[in-house]
Amino acid sequence: MSIHPIIIIPVYNARESLLKLLNTIHLVSELPILIIDDGSIDGLSEKDLSPATYLKHGLNRGKGAALKTALTHARKLGFSHAVTLDADGQHAPESIRDFLALSSMHSRALVVGKRDLINNAMPFHRKLSNNITSQIISLRTGNQIHDVQVGYRCYPLNDSRLWDSIEDGFQFETAVFFNVARLRMKLIWQPIPVIYGNEASHMNLILDTIRFVRTFFRSFKC
């Protein structure tokens, strides 16, 4: 099936890594790019990003809020699918073609990156929390969730209920799995490499654990 995709990259205070990522993307893909700036204060501006489309939140509202803004905008522009990558350089642009190949064969499925959560360079506490939360969400949704936290995905844009969520932070990407189950969508996993460098994380282990628990219990009210 022919699809009409766009690349979406949410960014918050990651100007340098974003510019490096864009240079790499341009080497492997000619897809249009939408940057959603979630209130950065590091000097990032629209002139840095041409010819990408640039949207900006006036204040930092969270990764989930940024993704919801961008996905809704991409749908209004007439795109059929959106490949989402993080701005910190942890997602290899070379995998974009693999996501698009799967989406072309399964146009109404959510395609999600699958990292090796055992044998990789991810910090131990991130491995532990990701494996535990992935198993919890698997039991809750009835789908096998291999990697609940990964942001490398290809969203079909035909039904906005997929990203309709109260969650505005990192928990948004967990909440999407509840919507997949509720909408009885197909879920497909695309293996991706694990890339870790010296980039700073905006996640807080204790606070985000509490937020995960809140997100989990909220799913029973939907």
C-alpha atoms as a PDB file:
ATOM      1  CA  MET A   1       0.000   0.000   0.000  1.00  0.00           C
ATOM      2  CA  SER A   2       1.204   3.514  -0.792  1.00  0.00           C
ATOM      3  CA  ILE A   3       1.605   5.678   2.311  1.00  0.00           C
ATOM      4  CA  HIS A   4       2.359   9.387   2.783  1.00  0.00           C
ATOM      5  CA  PRO A   5       4.682   9.643   5.811  1.00  0.00           C
ATOM      6  CA  ILE A   6       6.366  12.448   7.735  1.00  0.00           C
ATOM      7  CA  ILE A   7       9.092  12.386  10.381  1.00  0.00           C
ATOM      8  CA  ILE A   8       8.266  13.951  13.765  1.00  0.00           C
ATOM      9  CA  ILE A   9      10.936  14.893  16.301  1.00  0.00           C
ATOM     10  CA  PRO A  10       9.987  16.341  19.708  1.00  0.00           C
ATOM     11  CA  VAL A  11      12.775  18.384  21.260  1.00  0.00           C
ATOM     12  CA  TYR A  12      13.457  20.086  24.571  1.00  0.00           C
ATOM     13  CA  ASN A  13      16.819  21.778  25.170  1.00  0.00           C
ATOM     14  CA  ALA A  14      18.675  19.456  22.807  1.00  0.00           C
ATOM     15  CA  ARG A  15      19.723  21.835  20.035  1.00  0.00           C
ATOM     16  CA  GLU A  16      23.157  20.372  19.296  1.00  0.00           C
ATOM     17  CA  SER A  17      22.087  16.721  19.246  1.00  0.00           C
ATOM     18  CA  LEU A  18      19.036  17.618  17.151  1.00  0.00           C
ATOM     19  CA  LEU A  19      21.152  19.358  14.511  1.00  0.00           C
ATOM     20  CA  LYS A  20      23.460  16.329  14.315  1.00  0.00           C
ATOM     21  CA  LEU A  21      20.441  14.045  14.014  1.00  0.00           C
ATOM     22  CA  LEU A  22      18.953  16.125  11.201  1.00  0.00           C
ATOM     23  CA  ASN A  23      22.212  15.979   9.259  1.00  0.00           C
ATOM     24  CA  THR A  24      22.159  12.179   9.496  1.00  0.00           C
ATOM     25  CA  ILE A  25      18.484  11.934   8.549  1.00  0.00           C
ATOM     26  CA  HIS A  26      19.083  14.002   5.415  1.00  0.00           C
ATOM     27  CA  LEU A  27      21.678  11.440   4.322  1.00  0.00           C
ATOM     28  CA  VAL A  28      19.252   8.505   4.474  1.00  0.00           C
ATOM     29  CA  SER A  29      15.792   9.984   3.906  1.00  0.00           C
ATOM     30  CA  GLU A  30      14.061  12.668   1.867  1.00  0.00           C
ATOM     31  CA  LEU A  31      10.881  12.601   3.955  1.00  0.00           C
ATOM     32  CA  PRO A  32       9.464  15.895   5.226  1.00  0.00           C
ATOM     33  CA  ILE A  33      10.300  16.604   8.860  1.00  0.00           C
ATOM     34  CA  LEU A  34       8.228  18.248  11.581  1.00  0.00           C
ATOM     35  CA  ILE A  35      10.063  19.545  14.652  1.00  0.00           C
ATOM     36  CA  ILE A  36       7.963  20.203  17.756  1.00  0.00           C
ATOM     37  CA  ASP A  37       9.902  22.349  20.224  1.00  0.00           C
ATOM     38  CA  ASP A  38       8.500  21.886  23.720  1.00  0.00           C
ATOM     39  CA  GLY A  39       9.517  25.255  25.140  1.00  0.00           C
ATOM     40  CA  SER A  40      13.297  24.992  24.704  1.00  0.00           C
ATOM     41  CA  ILE A  41      15.463  27.777  26.133  1.00  0.00           C
ATOM     42  CA  ASP A  42      18.794  26.710  24.591  1.00  0.00           C
ATOM     43  CA  GLY A  43      18.686  29.010  21.573  1.00  0.00           C
ATOM     44  CA  LEU A  44      16.957  26.637  19.151  1.00  0.00           C
ATOM     45  CA  SER A  45      15.126  28.591  16.459  1.00  0.00           C
ATOM     46  CA  GLU A  46      13.285  28.004  13.207  1.00  0.00           C
ATOM     47  CA  LYS A  47      16.229  29.274  11.126  1.00  0.00           C
ATOM     48  CA  ASP A  48      18.326  26.360  12.450  1.00  0.00           C
ATOM     49  CA  LEU A  49      15.935  23.805  11.037  1.00  0.00           C
ATOM     50  CA  SER A  50      15.017  24.807   7.492  1.00  0.00           C
ATOM     51  CA  PRO A  51      13.470  23.175   5.490  1.00  0.00           C
ATOM     52  CA  ALA A  52      11.780  21.299   8.341  1.00  0.00           C
ATOM     53  CA  THR A  53       8.405  22.495   9.595  1.00  0.00           C
ATOM     54  CA  TYR A  54       8.788  24.055  13.038  1.00  0.00           C
ATOM     55  CA  LEU A  55       6.172  24.219  15.790  1.00  0.00           C
ATOM     56  CA  LYS A  56       6.814  25.484  19.300  1.00  0.00           C
ATOM     57  CA  HIS A  57       5.089  25.364  22.666  1.00  0.00           C
ATOM     58  CA  GLY A  58       5.551  28.639  24.549  1.00  0.00           C
ATOM     59  CA  LEU A  59       6.236  26.722  27.744  1.00  0.00           C
ATOM     60  CA  ASN A  60       7.553  23.237  28.461  1.00  0.00           C
ATOM     61  CA  ARG A  61       4.483  20.986  28.603  1.00  0.00           C
ATOM     62  CA  GLY A  62       6.012  17.510  28.378  1.00  0.00           C
ATOM     63  CA  LYS A  63       6.991  15.028  25.681  1.00  0.00           C
ATOM     64  CA  GLY A  64       3.488  13.612  25.435  1.00  0.00           C
ATOM     65  CA  ALA A  65       1.964  17.052  24.900  1.00  0.00           C
ATOM     66  CA  ALA A  66       4.539  17.752  22.190  1.00  0.00           C
ATOM     67  CA  LEU A  67       3.789  14.482  20.401  1.00  0.00           C
ATOM     68  CA  LYS A  68       0.045  15.059  20.556  1.00  0.00           C
ATOM     69  CA  THR A  69       0.463  18.524  19.039  1.00  0.00           C
ATOM     70  CA  ALA A  70       2.675  17.197  16.259  1.00  0.00           C
ATOM     71  CA  LEU A  71       0.601  14.117  15.425  1.00  0.00           C
ATOM     72  CA  THR A  72      -2.572  16.196  15.213  1.00  0.00           C
ATOM     73  CA  HIS A  73      -0.826  18.757  13.002  1.00  0.00           C
ATOM     74  CA  ALA A  74       0.580  16.061  10.695  1.00  0.00           C
ATOM     75  CA  ARG A  75      -2.877  14.549  10.303  1.00  0.00           C
ATOM     76  CA  LYS A  76      -4.340  17.960   9.393  1.00  0.00           C
ATOM     77  CA  LEU A  77      -1.604  18.360   6.767  1.00  0.00           C
ATOM     78  CA  GLY A  78      -2.810  15.145   5.114  1.00  0.00           C
ATOM     79  CA  PHE A  79      -0.019  12.740   6.034  1.00  0.00           C
ATOM     80  CA  SER A  80      -0.985   9.105   6.535  1.00  0.00           C
ATOM     81  CA  HIS A  81       1.818   8.082   8.921  1.00  0.00           C
ATOM     82  CA  ALA A  82       4.350   9.681  11.237  1.00  0.00           C
ATOM     83  CA  VAL A  83       7.707   8.221  12.218  1.00  0.00           C
ATOM     84  CA  THR A  84       8.699   9.604  15.623  1.00  0.00           C
ATOM     85  CA  LEU A  85      12.335   9.850  16.748  1.00  0.00           C
ATOM     86  CA  ASP A  86      13.857  11.308  19.895  1.00  0.00           C
ATOM     87  CA  ALA A  87      16.125  14.329  19.447  1.00  0.00           C
ATOM     88  CA  ASP A  88      18.938  12.989  21.636  1.00  0.00           C
ATOM     89  CA  GLY A  89      20.474  10.783  18.953  1.00  0.00           C
ATOM     90  CA  GLN A  90      19.480   7.445  20.516  1.00  0.00           C
ATOM     91  CA  HIS A  91      17.475   6.426  17.439  1.00  0.00           C
ATOM     92  CA  ALA A  92      19.377   5.428  14.300  1.00  0.00           C
ATOM     93  CA  PRO A  93      17.818   7.153  11.247  1.00  0.00           C
ATOM     94  CA  GLU A  94      18.843   4.185   9.112  1.00  0.00           C
ATOM     95  CA  SER A  95      15.915   2.282  10.651  1.00  0.00           C
ATOM     96  CA  ILE A  96      13.347   4.697   9.193  1.00  0.00           C
ATOM     97  CA  ARG A  97      13.088   2.655   6.004  1.00  0.00           C
ATOM     98  CA  ASP A  98      12.327  -0.483   8.053  1.00  0.00           C
ATOM     99  CA  PHE A  99       9.467   1.236   9.875  1.00  0.00           C
ATOM    100  CA  LEU A 100       8.031   2.480   6.583  1.00  0.00           C
ATOM    101  CA  ALA A 101       8.295  -0.955   4.979  1.00  0.00           C
ATOM    102  CA  LEU A 102       6.229  -2.489   7.788  1.00  0.00           C
ATOM    103  CA  SER A 103       3.714   0.369   7.725  1.00  0.00           C
ATOM    104  CA  SER A 104       3.309  -0.070   3.972  1.00  0.00           C
ATOM    105  CA  MET A 105       2.340  -3.708   4.537  1.00  0.00           C
ATOM    106  CA  HIS A 106       0.237  -3.030   7.657  1.00  0.00           C
ATOM    107  CA  SER A 107      -1.088   0.489   7.151  1.00  0.00           C
ATOM    108  CA  ARG A 108      -3.375   0.563  10.209  1.00  0.00           C
ATOM    109  CA  ALA A 109      -0.877  -0.955  12.654  1.00  0.00           C
ATOM    110  CA  LEU A 110       1.290   0.837  15.175  1.00  0.00           C
ATOM    111  CA  VAL A 111       4.917  -0.065  14.498  1.00  0.00           C
ATOM    112  CA  VAL A 112       7.161   0.232  17.557  1.00  0.00           C
ATOM    113  CA  GLY A 113      10.915  -0.070  17.967  1.00  0.00           C
ATOM    114  CA  LYS A 114      12.117  -3.124  19.850  1.00  0.00           C
ATOM    115  CA  ARG A 115      15.409  -2.730  21.713  1.00  0.00           C
ATOM    116  CA  ASP A 116      17.317  -5.583  23.316  1.00  0.00           C
ATOM    117  CA  LEU A 117      16.530  -4.861  26.967  1.00  0.00           C
ATOM    118  CA  ILE A 118      18.963  -7.463  28.301  1.00  0.00           C
ATOM    119  CA  ASN A 119      22.209  -7.357  26.337  1.00  0.00           C
ATOM    120  CA  ASN A 120      22.764  -3.659  25.744  1.00  0.00           C
ATOM    121  CA  ALA A 121      24.515  -0.567  27.086  1.00  0.00           C
ATOM    122  CA  MET A 122      21.433   0.868  28.756  1.00  0.00           C
ATOM    123  CA  PRO A 123      22.012   1.873  32.413  1.00  0.00           C
ATOM    124  CA  PHE A 124      20.998  -0.939  34.764  1.00  0.00           C
ATOM    125  CA  HIS A 125      18.200   0.971  36.504  1.00  0.00           C
ATOM    126  CA  ARG A 126      16.676   1.817  33.100  1.00  0.00           C
ATOM    127  CA  LYS A 127      16.874  -1.850  32.031  1.00  0.00           C
ATOM    128  CA  LEU A 128      15.206  -2.979  35.238  1.00  0.00           C
ATOM    129  CA  SER A 129      12.393  -0.438  35.186  1.00  0.00           C
ATOM    130  CA  ASN A 130      11.726  -0.932  31.474  1.00  0.00           C
ATOM    131  CA  ASN A 131      11.547  -4.724  31.729  1.00  0.00           C
ATOM    132  CA  ILE A 132       9.244  -4.600  34.768  1.00  0.00           C
ATOM    133  CA  THR A 133       6.904  -1.956  33.359  1.00  0.00           C
ATOM    134  CA  SER A 134       6.796  -3.693  29.971  1.00  0.00           C
ATOM    135  CA  GLN A 135       5.606  -6.900  31.626  1.00  0.00           C
ATOM    136  CA  ILE A 136       2.986  -5.024  33.658  1.00  0.00           C
ATOM    137  CA  ILE A 137       1.581  -3.313  30.549  1.00  0.00           C
ATOM    138  CA  SER A 138       1.626  -6.640  28.687  1.00  0.00           C
ATOM    139  CA  LEU A 139      -0.637  -8.155  31.355  1.00  0.00           C
ATOM    140  CA  ARG A 140      -2.893  -5.094  31.383  1.00  0.00           C
ATOM    141  CA  THR A 141      -3.390  -4.857  27.610  1.00  0.00           C
ATOM    142  CA  GLY A 142      -3.258  -8.494  26.563  1.00  0.00           C
ATOM    143  CA  ASN A 143      -0.544  -7.613  24.023  1.00  0.00           C
ATOM    144  CA  GLN A 144       3.101  -8.589  24.279  1.00  0.00           C
ATOM    145  CA  ILE A 145       4.853  -5.308  25.051  1.00  0.00           C
ATOM    146  CA  HIS A 146       8.574  -5.645  24.525  1.00  0.00           C
ATOM    147  CA  ASP A 147       9.641  -2.052  25.197  1.00  0.00           C
ATOM    148  CA  VAL A 148       7.155   0.256  26.893  1.00  0.00           C
ATOM    149  CA  GLN A 149       9.396   3.339  26.950  1.00  0.00           C
ATOM    150  CA  VAL A 150      10.778   3.483  23.412  1.00  0.00           C
ATOM    151  CA  GLY A 151       9.891   6.573  21.385  1.00  0.00           C
ATOM    152  CA  TYR A 152      10.922   5.271  17.947  1.00  0.00           C
ATOM    153  CA  ARG A 153       7.572   4.450  16.345  1.00  0.00           C
ATOM    154  CA  CYS A 154       5.487   4.785  13.210  1.00  0.00           C
ATOM    155  CA  TYR A 155       1.971   6.009  13.986  1.00  0.00           C
ATOM    156  CA  PRO A 156      -0.893   5.573  11.546  1.00  0.00           C
ATOM    157  CA  LEU A 157      -2.745   8.889  11.476  1.00  0.00           C
ATOM    158  CA  ASN A 158      -6.140   7.655  10.299  1.00  0.00           C
ATOM    159  CA  ASP A 159      -7.635   7.602  13.820  1.00  0.00           C
ATOM    160  CA  SER A 160      -6.711  10.348  16.299  1.00  0.00           C
ATOM    161  CA  ARG A 161      -8.029   8.251  19.174  1.00  0.00           C
ATOM    162  CA  LEU A 162      -4.664   6.467  19.073  1.00  0.00           C
ATOM    163  CA  TRP A 163      -2.970   9.480  20.675  1.00  0.00           C
ATOM    164  CA  ASP A 164      -5.951  10.798  22.627  1.00  0.00           C
ATOM    165  CA  SER A 165      -4.624  10.700  26.185  1.00  0.00           C
ATOM    166  CA  ILE A 166      -4.639  12.728  29.379  1.00  0.00           C
ATOM    167  CA  GLU A 167      -0.914  12.010  29.744  1.00  0.00           C
ATOM    168  CA  ASP A 168       1.424  14.853  28.748  1.00  0.00           C
ATOM    169  CA  GLY A 169       4.789  13.560  29.973  1.00  0.00           C
ATOM    170  CA  PHE A 170       6.895  10.484  29.210  1.00  0.00           C
ATOM    171  CA  GLN A 171       3.919   8.351  30.303  1.00  0.00           C
ATOM    172  CA  PHE A 172       2.105   9.266  27.098  1.00  0.00           C
ATOM    173  CA  GLU A 173       3.987   6.589  25.174  1.00  0.00           C
ATOM    174  CA  THR A 174       2.864   4.002  27.723  1.00  0.00           C
ATOM    175  CA  ALA A 175      -0.733   5.207  27.508  1.00  0.00           C
ATOM    176  CA  VAL A 176      -0.707   4.723  23.732  1.00  0.00           C
ATOM    177  CA  PHE A 177      -0.527   0.960  24.322  1.00  0.00           C
ATOM    178  CA  PHE A 178      -3.824   1.159  26.230  1.00  0.00           C
ATOM    179  CA  ASN A 179      -5.370   2.900  23.225  1.00  0.00           C
ATOM    180  CA  VAL A 180      -3.990   0.248  20.864  1.00  0.00           C
ATOM    181  CA  ALA A 181      -5.692  -2.457  22.920  1.00  0.00           C
ATOM    182  CA  ARG A 182      -8.925  -0.468  23.232  1.00  0.00           C
ATOM    183  CA  LEU A 183      -9.072   0.188  19.471  1.00  0.00           C
ATOM    184  CA  ARG A 184      -8.056  -3.431  18.717  1.00  0.00           C
ATOM    185  CA  MET A 185      -5.232  -2.221  16.537  1.00  0.00           C
ATOM    186  CA  LYS A 186      -2.425  -4.415  15.333  1.00  0.00           C
ATOM    187  CA  LEU A 187       0.902  -3.904  17.085  1.00  0.00           C
ATOM    188  CA  ILE A 188       4.109  -4.706  15.207  1.00  0.00           C
ATOM    189  CA  TRP A 189       7.656  -4.631  16.587  1.00  0.00           C
ATOM    190  CA  GLN A 190      10.677  -3.498  14.588  1.00  0.00           C
ATOM    191  CA  PRO A 191      14.098  -4.390  16.051  1.00  0.00           C
ATOM    192  CA  ILE A 192      16.314  -1.327  16.488  1.00  0.00           C
ATOM    193  CA  PRO A 193      19.847  -0.845  17.844  1.00  0.00           C
ATOM    194  CA  VAL A 194      20.504   0.565  21.297  1.00  0.00           C
ATOM    195  CA  ILE A 195      22.516   3.782  21.171  1.00  0.00           C
ATOM    196  CA  TYR A 196      23.651   5.429  24.385  1.00  0.00           C
ATOM    197  CA  GLY A 197      26.057   8.349  24.712  1.00  0.00           C
ATOM    198  CA  ASN A 198      26.611  11.225  27.123  1.00  0.00           C
ATOM    199  CA  GLU A 199      23.288  12.933  26.492  1.00  0.00           C
ATOM    200  CA  ALA A 200      21.384  14.139  29.542  1.00  0.00           C
ATOM    201  CA  SER A 201      18.102  12.448  30.373  1.00  0.00           C
ATOM    202  CA  HIS A 202      15.021  14.455  31.314  1.00  0.00           C
ATOM    203  CA  MET A 203      13.599  11.437  33.156  1.00  0.00           C
ATOM    204  CA  ASN A 204      13.459  11.244  36.954  1.00  0.00           C
ATOM    205  CA  LEU A 205      13.496   7.652  38.239  1.00  0.00           C
ATOM    206  CA  ILE A 206      11.378   8.240  41.353  1.00  0.00           C
ATOM    207  CA  LEU A 207       8.920  10.779  39.942  1.00  0.00           C
ATOM    208  CA  ASP A 208       8.440   8.886  36.693  1.00  0.00           C
ATOM    209  CA  THR A 209       7.854   5.632  38.584  1.00  0.00           C
ATOM    210  CA  ILE A 210       5.091   7.362  40.540  1.00  0.00           C
ATOM    211  CA  ARG A 211       3.683   8.764  37.309  1.00  0.00           C
ATOM    212  CA  PHE A 212       3.756   5.307  35.713  1.00  0.00           C
ATOM    213  CA  VAL A 213       1.697   3.897  38.583  1.00  0.00           C
ATOM    214  CA  ARG A 214      -0.783   6.758  38.176  1.00  0.00           C
ATOM    215  CA  THR A 215      -1.008   6.131  34.423  1.00  0.00           C
ATOM    216  CA  PHE A 216      -1.581   2.420  35.027  1.00  0.00           C
ATOM    217  CA  PHE A 217      -4.516   3.014  37.372  1.00  0.00           C
ATOM    218  CA  ARG A 218      -5.968   5.710  35.120  1.00  0.00           C
ATOM    219  CA  SER A 219      -6.261   3.078  32.377  1.00  0.00           C
ATOM    220  CA  PHE A 220      -9.022   1.347  34.324  1.00  0.00           C
ATOM    221  CA  LYS A 221     -11.176   4.489  34.194  1.00  0.00           C
ATOM    222  CA  CYS A 222     -11.205   4.757  30.409  1.00  0.00           C
END
